[in-house]
Amino acid sequence: MNGIQEVDGSIPFSSTIVHSTARRRPRPRLGPRSGIAAPREVALGRRAGLALGSLLLVAAGGCRTAAVVTPPATVRPPSYAGLDAALWVQTAEEARLLRVTAYVAATAALERGLADPIWSALDQGPGAAALPAAAILDLDETVLDNSAYEAYLVRAGRSFEPASWSAWVATAEAKAIPGVLDFARRAAELGITLYFVSNRDAPMEQATRANLAALGLPLPAGGDVVLLRGERPEWRSDKRGRYEEIAARHRVLVLVGDDLNDFLSGAREATLAERRALAEPHAGRFGRDWFLLPNPMHGSWLRAASAGAGGGGEIERRLERLEAFDGPAPPP
């Protein structure tokens, strides 16, 4: 390709960042090339935004350069559909503390599980007592914080698109979810292997590994601990097959995720009522050996809330789900 690859034929990816009116704080020029870990801004800043845009421009064709074109005279206004969710994740102390609390509890479960030979988050039975211990973690919004990508979508007035998501993943700049690094350090001290089981697509593995390594998360030289969707034909969105692969070699002490699909087969495509029916019999496991982190930005819950036979688009169907106060009675 020798032209700019646009996501949806409207405006180039980087143009939406350049034209943003949001104020940005200066950031130190530190990072992987300097050998110093740079404190990344929570919001998607100019450098990350432009780099992400450049990656998107060439990703589809693998070309080294892109022809310069004049951006449109008008820029699409921001989309506020995900504004509050992304802002809560990035700024709310409540969001940080909920995640830290979950990982503190998960760390305690590692220690209890290691001392109990029949403890298993996957109900492996006493035959697994002799196996080495492991923990299974989802990646996005469990280990890696992608709220900068969500913030880009809000500012650019866009919805999720595979091309822009791939460009974000390729930057390998997602920050660590609060609490996960301490959890990983303690797991390493206890000799517990961490597996990262994600529905990122298999071609994203190199960038994902680079991101994890940059955060200091353990990736052993021998054995694959990053198991992505599509690495094998049978590894689809349901994670049960990958869990069984791990359980054949390790006693799994805890599961950590941000989506019901990280714990229960069938949750991804289930209706709201079916999700409740799936979860209810397992309610006692959450907080014991299953640890669920908050994610208001995306997930199978949103798919379920947006589904239905009613007319209109996704937003209209979500509005129909709301149980709303009718408002004050009119004056007499």
Foldseek 3Di string as FASTA:
>chain_A
DAAFDDQPPAWQQLVLQVPFPDDDDDFDPDPVVNVDHGDDALACHNVNSNQLSVCLRCVVPVDPDYDDDDTDPDADAFACPQVVQLCCCRPPPVQQVLLQVLLVLQLVLVVVQLVDQCAFLVNPGNVQSPFAEAAEEEPDVFFFDPSNLVNSCRSRVHDDGPSSVLSSLQVLPTATRRNVVVSQVSCVVVVYHYAYEYQDAPVSVVSPVVSCVRNVHDDDPPDGRYHYAPPDVPRHLQRVVVVVVVSVRHRYRAYEYAAVSSRFPPLLPDAPVVNCVRCVVVVVCDSNRYDHRHRPRDYSVLVNQQDDDDDDHSVVSNVVPDDDDPDDDDDD
